[in-house]
Protein backbone atom coordinates (compact mmCIF):
# COMPACT_ATOMS: atom_id res chain seq x y z
CA MET A 1 29.08 73.07 122.86
CA ILE A 2 30.84 75.41 119.79
CA ALA A 3 32.58 77.38 122.48
CA ILE A 4 34.05 74.90 124.12
CA THR A 5 35.50 72.65 120.97
CA LEU A 6 37.42 75.72 119.93
CA VAL A 7 39.09 76.04 123.45
CA ALA A 8 39.71 72.48 123.03
CA LEU A 9 41.39 73.04 119.88
CA ILE A 10 43.05 75.96 120.88
CA ALA A 11 44.55 74.21 123.36
CA LEU A 12 45.25 71.27 121.93
CA LEU A 13 47.28 73.64 118.98
CA HIS A 14 49.30 74.83 122.20
CA ILE A 15 50.47 71.96 123.30
CA TYR A 16 51.78 71.07 119.80
CA ILE A 17 53.29 74.58 119.49
CA MET A 18 54.76 73.57 122.93
CA ILE A 19 56.53 70.07 121.80
CA LEU A 20 57.52 71.84 118.19
CA GLU A 21 59.89 74.45 120.60
CA MET A 22 60.57 72.59 123.74
CA PHE A 23 61.38 69.02 121.84
CA LEU A 24 61.52 69.60 117.73
CA TRP A 25 62.98 73.49 117.45
CA ASP A 26 66.26 71.66 115.50
CA LYS A 27 64.67 68.71 114.28
CA PRO A 28 63.19 68.23 110.38
CA ALA A 29 59.51 68.87 112.02
CA GLY A 30 60.50 72.36 113.65
CA LEU A 31 63.46 73.09 111.25
CA ARG A 32 59.82 72.86 108.93
CA ALA A 33 57.29 74.30 110.76
CA PHE A 34 59.05 77.50 111.53
CA GLY A 35 60.96 77.78 108.24
CA LEU A 36 64.62 77.79 110.17
CA GLU A 37 67.94 76.69 108.92
CA LEU A 38 69.67 73.97 110.74
CA ASP A 39 72.59 75.99 112.55
CA PHE A 40 70.07 79.17 113.60
CA ALA A 41 67.74 76.50 115.31
CA GLN A 42 70.80 74.82 117.21
CA LYS A 43 71.88 78.42 118.42
CA THR A 44 68.45 79.47 119.56
CA ARG A 45 66.97 75.88 121.06
CA THR A 46 66.89 77.63 124.49
CA LEU A 47 65.55 80.56 123.51
CA ALA A 48 62.79 78.31 121.61
CA ALA A 49 62.13 75.76 124.65
CA ASN A 50 61.41 78.88 126.90
CA GLN A 51 58.91 79.80 124.45
CA GLY A 52 57.38 76.59 124.30
CA LEU A 53 57.05 76.49 128.15
CA TYR A 54 55.22 79.35 128.06
CA ASN A 55 52.64 77.93 124.98
CA GLY A 56 52.69 75.11 127.35
CA PHE A 57 51.48 77.19 130.33
CA LEU A 58 48.48 78.44 127.98
CA ALA A 59 47.28 75.52 127.09
CA ALA A 60 47.70 74.35 130.88
CA GLY A 61 45.14 77.27 131.59
CA LEU A 62 42.39 76.64 129.19
CA LEU A 63 42.36 73.32 130.44
CA VAL A 64 42.37 74.24 133.48
CA GLY A 65 39.15 76.72 133.15
CA LEU A 66 37.34 73.99 130.85
CA ALA A 67 37.38 71.30 133.92
CA LEU A 68 36.53 74.14 135.90
CA GLY A 69 33.07 73.76 134.04
CA ALA A 70 31.07 77.52 134.05
CA ALA A 71 33.34 78.07 137.04
CA GLY A 72 36.34 78.12 135.11
CA LYS A 73 34.91 81.28 132.38
CA SER A 74 36.79 83.74 133.74
CA PHE A 75 40.14 81.40 133.17
CA VAL A 76 39.29 80.69 129.75
CA LEU A 77 38.55 84.48 129.00
CA PHE A 78 41.80 85.33 130.83
CA PHE A 79 44.20 82.63 128.85
CA LEU A 80 41.75 83.57 125.18
CA ILE A 81 43.02 87.05 125.63
CA CYS A 82 46.74 86.32 126.44
CA ILE A 83 46.63 84.19 123.06
CA ALA A 84 45.23 86.76 121.04
CA ILE A 85 47.53 89.11 122.65
CA ALA A 86 50.81 87.37 121.79
CA GLY A 87 49.06 86.42 118.63
CA ILE A 88 48.98 90.29 117.50
CA TYR A 89 52.40 90.66 118.65
CA GLY A 90 54.23 87.92 117.36
CA ALA A 91 52.79 89.22 113.63
CA ALA A 92 54.10 92.34 114.60
CA THR A 93 57.47 91.31 115.44
CA ALA A 94 57.73 88.13 113.97
CA ASN A 95 55.59 86.21 111.28
CA ARG A 96 52.31 87.57 110.47
CA LYS A 97 50.81 84.01 109.99
CA ILE A 98 50.97 84.20 113.36
CA LEU A 99 47.99 86.58 113.81
CA PHE A 100 46.13 83.64 111.79
CA ILE A 101 47.07 80.89 113.72
CA GLN A 102 47.31 82.57 117.23
CA THR A 103 44.54 85.70 117.48
CA VAL A 104 41.95 84.21 114.86
CA PRO A 105 41.01 81.30 116.55
CA ALA A 106 41.01 83.13 120.07
CA ILE A 107 38.99 85.67 119.03
CA LEU A 108 36.52 82.98 117.45
CA ALA A 109 36.51 80.79 120.62
CA LEU A 110 35.88 84.62 122.37
CA THR A 111 33.15 85.37 120.11
CA ALA A 112 31.68 81.90 120.46
CA ILE A 113 31.69 82.28 124.28
CA PHE A 114 30.37 85.81 124.41
CA ILE A 115 27.27 84.86 122.09
CA GLY A 116 26.66 81.85 124.12
CA ILE A 117 27.33 78.87 121.19
């Protein structure tokens, strides 16, 4: 039950990130969330929308895995590992806080799945 809850929360987090990156990147919420200047955000809006789309795919993968129940465990594991790796890369190349926003929750969910809680 804990594992399912964690996976669902991570999917919701990635839907939120998708919305921020695709639709709110150059709006006050996006500027605040990512610490951006308006000029930079306007120039990188298309790039951010592309990132947002990928975050949406990650969320969709987790949700499909959850919807499949036990048969979707491999789906969930694959997408959690992708999220953990993306978080490590993001922390190394963009902002360290990405490690705590993406990687740590993914590792917690993976741990919960593997220990069966």
